Amino acid sequence: QSPVLRKMLTIDMAEKRSGVITITDASYDSLELFLKLLYGSKTPHDLLQLPASDVLKILALAHKYRVVFLMRISCIVIMTYENEVMNVQQIQEMYHAGRLFDIPDLEQRAFQWLKWRRGSAQGYKEVLDLLEELDESFMRKCCSFLFKF
C-alpha cells in the first residue's frame, strides 16, 4: 500500500538485497503504529485514542511513504480534536505539518485554535508568543485582516 516501500523492496536497491529497511527518522512506537495501520491490525479508531502530537507523527510517515489513505485519516482525526485537549506545542506542530505537507486545512485549524485560545489572559499570551514564532506567511494567510486599516 506504500509505493515508496514497495519500490525499496522490488527495485535493485540495498533494501531489496538485504531485505531490511532502515528508518532512522521515526520512533519505534510511531513506526510500529504506522505499520499496524498500514497492514490492518490497527484501525482509525486507534488513532482517535492518541494525542494530536502522535497522530501528527503518523501523518508525517504517511506523507513520506505516500500512503494517501493514512494521510487522509490522520488529517480527519487531527481536525476532530476539541480545542480544550490541544496545547500550543501541538498547534505549532499542526501548523508546520500543514505547511510542510501542503495541507491548508491543518493551517486553518491552527488558526481556529488561536482565535479560541486568545479569550483568557494566559491564552492571549500564548497566542502572542506563538505568533512571534510562526512565519510571515501565516500572518499574511490567516491574519491579513490585522493589516487592513
Protein backbone atom coordinates (compact mmCIF):
# COMPACT_ATOMS: atom_id res chain seq x y z
CA GLN A 1 0.00 0.00 0.00
CA SER A 2 3.04 2.24 0.09
CA PRO A 3 4.56 2.83 -3.33
CA VAL A 4 7.77 4.02 -1.67
CA LEU A 5 8.22 0.91 0.48
CA ARG A 6 7.22 -1.31 -2.45
CA LYS A 7 9.90 0.24 -4.67
CA MET A 8 12.52 -0.08 -1.96
CA LEU A 9 11.85 -3.81 -1.80
CA THR A 10 11.37 -4.51 -5.51
CA ILE A 11 13.90 -2.49 -7.49
CA ASP A 12 17.60 -3.10 -7.20
CA MET A 13 18.33 -1.18 -4.03
CA ALA A 14 20.20 -2.06 -0.85
CA GLU A 15 16.88 -2.74 0.90
CA LYS A 16 15.93 -5.37 -1.65
CA ARG A 17 19.29 -7.09 -1.42
CA SER A 18 19.29 -7.17 2.38
CA GLY A 19 15.55 -7.48 2.93
CA VAL A 20 15.87 -4.76 5.59
CA ILE A 21 14.59 -1.19 5.50
CA THR A 22 16.36 1.10 7.96
CA ILE A 23 14.31 4.05 9.19
CA THR A 24 16.10 6.49 11.47
CA ASP A 25 13.77 9.49 11.48
CA ALA A 26 10.86 7.99 13.44
CA SER A 27 10.46 6.48 16.88
CA TYR A 28 9.88 2.76 17.23
CA ASP A 29 6.39 3.36 18.63
CA SER A 30 5.38 5.64 15.76
CA LEU A 31 6.76 3.29 13.15
CA GLU A 32 5.09 0.27 14.75
CA LEU A 33 1.71 2.02 14.81
CA PHE A 34 2.19 3.21 11.23
CA LEU A 35 2.85 -0.33 10.02
CA LYS A 36 -0.06 -1.74 12.01
CA LEU A 37 -2.36 0.86 10.48
CA LEU A 38 -0.91 0.17 7.06
CA TYR A 39 -1.46 -3.57 7.27
CA GLY A 40 -4.76 -3.53 9.16
CA SER A 41 -4.01 -4.79 12.66
CA LYS A 42 -4.85 -1.28 13.96
CA THR A 43 -7.76 0.87 12.82
CA PRO A 44 -8.54 4.58 12.57
CA HIS A 45 -10.36 4.18 15.89
CA ASP A 46 -6.96 3.52 17.48
CA LEU A 47 -5.75 6.90 16.18
CA LEU A 48 -8.64 8.62 17.94
CA GLN A 49 -7.22 7.48 21.27
CA LEU A 50 -3.90 9.27 20.73
CA PRO A 51 -2.84 12.85 21.41
CA ALA A 52 -2.52 15.13 18.38
CA SER A 53 1.30 15.01 18.53
CA ASP A 54 1.30 11.24 17.97
CA VAL A 55 -1.19 11.47 15.11
CA LEU A 56 0.99 14.13 13.50
CA LYS A 57 3.89 11.64 13.59
CA ILE A 58 1.72 9.10 11.76
CA LEU A 59 0.80 11.81 9.25
CA ALA A 60 4.50 12.53 8.65
CA LEU A 61 5.22 8.85 7.99
CA ALA A 62 2.17 8.53 5.75
CA HIS A 63 3.34 11.54 3.77
CA LYS A 64 6.92 10.29 3.50
CA TYR A 65 5.86 6.84 2.31
CA ARG A 66 2.93 8.14 0.22
CA VAL A 67 0.15 6.30 2.00
CA VAL A 68 -2.71 8.55 0.93
CA PHE A 69 -5.46 6.85 2.94
CA LEU A 70 -3.43 7.20 6.15
CA MET A 71 -2.74 10.85 5.37
CA ARG A 72 -6.47 11.47 4.98
CA ILE A 73 -7.40 9.55 8.12
CA SER A 74 -4.71 11.31 10.16
CA CYS A 75 -5.94 14.72 8.99
CA ILE A 76 -9.54 13.86 9.80
CA VAL A 77 -8.56 12.71 13.28
CA ILE A 78 -6.50 15.84 13.90
CA MET A 79 -9.36 18.06 12.75
CA THR A 80 -11.73 16.43 15.26
CA TYR A 81 -9.77 17.27 18.40
CA GLU A 82 -11.56 19.65 20.73
CA ASN A 83 -9.75 22.91 21.41
CA GLU A 84 -9.50 22.11 25.11
CA VAL A 85 -7.39 18.98 24.60
CA MET A 86 -4.74 20.66 22.46
CA ASN A 87 -1.83 22.76 23.63
CA VAL A 88 0.28 25.42 21.99
CA GLN A 89 3.07 22.97 21.07
CA GLN A 90 0.62 20.67 19.28
CA ILE A 91 -0.87 23.65 17.45
CA GLN A 92 2.57 24.73 16.33
CA GLU A 93 3.31 21.19 15.11
CA MET A 94 -0.05 21.11 13.33
CA TYR A 95 0.63 24.39 11.57
CA HIS A 96 4.11 23.30 10.46
CA ALA A 97 2.77 19.95 9.22
CA GLY A 98 0.16 21.81 7.20
CA ARG A 99 2.84 23.98 5.62
CA LEU A 100 5.31 21.16 5.05
CA PHE A 101 2.80 18.70 3.58
CA ASP A 102 0.70 21.35 1.81
CA ILE A 103 -2.46 20.68 3.84
CA PRO A 104 -4.20 24.06 4.22
CA ASP A 105 -6.87 22.58 6.50
CA LEU A 106 -4.26 22.00 9.20
CA GLU A 107 -3.08 25.58 8.93
CA GLN A 108 -6.67 26.80 9.23
CA ARG A 109 -7.31 24.50 12.21
CA ALA A 110 -4.30 26.05 13.94
CA PHE A 111 -5.76 29.50 13.29
CA GLN A 112 -9.14 28.43 14.70
CA TRP A 113 -7.42 27.29 17.89
CA LEU A 114 -5.57 30.60 18.17
CA LYS A 115 -8.84 32.52 17.89
CA TRP A 116 -10.39 30.31 20.55
CA ARG A 117 -7.39 30.42 22.90
CA ARG A 118 -6.93 34.18 22.97
CA GLY A 119 -10.00 34.53 25.24
CA SER A 120 -8.12 34.22 28.53
CA ALA A 121 -5.15 36.21 29.82
CA GLN A 122 -2.87 33.14 29.76
CA GLY A 123 -4.21 32.13 26.36
CA TYR A 124 -3.69 35.62 24.97
CA LYS A 125 -0.03 35.50 25.99
CA GLU A 126 0.35 32.02 24.45
CA VAL A 127 -1.18 33.27 21.21
CA LEU A 128 1.15 36.28 21.07
CA ASP A 129 4.19 34.11 21.79
CA LEU A 130 3.19 31.62 19.10
CA LEU A 131 2.54 34.34 16.53
CA GLU A 132 6.06 35.63 17.11
CA GLU A 133 7.44 32.16 16.33
CA LEU A 134 5.35 31.44 13.23
CA ASP A 135 6.49 32.61 9.84
CA GLU A 136 5.23 35.65 7.99
CA SER A 137 3.17 33.60 5.54
CA PHE A 138 0.91 32.50 8.40
CA MET A 139 0.30 36.13 9.26
CA ARG A 140 -0.47 37.01 5.64
CA LYS A 141 -2.70 33.98 5.12
CA CYS A 142 -4.63 33.81 8.37
CA CYS A 143 -4.24 37.21 9.96
CA SER A 144 -4.34 39.53 6.94
CA PHE A 145 -7.33 41.30 8.48
CA LEU A 146 -4.89 42.76 11.03
CA PHE A 147 -3.11 44.67 8.27
CA LYS A 148 -6.20 46.24 6.67
CA PHE A 149 -6.57 49.62 8.35
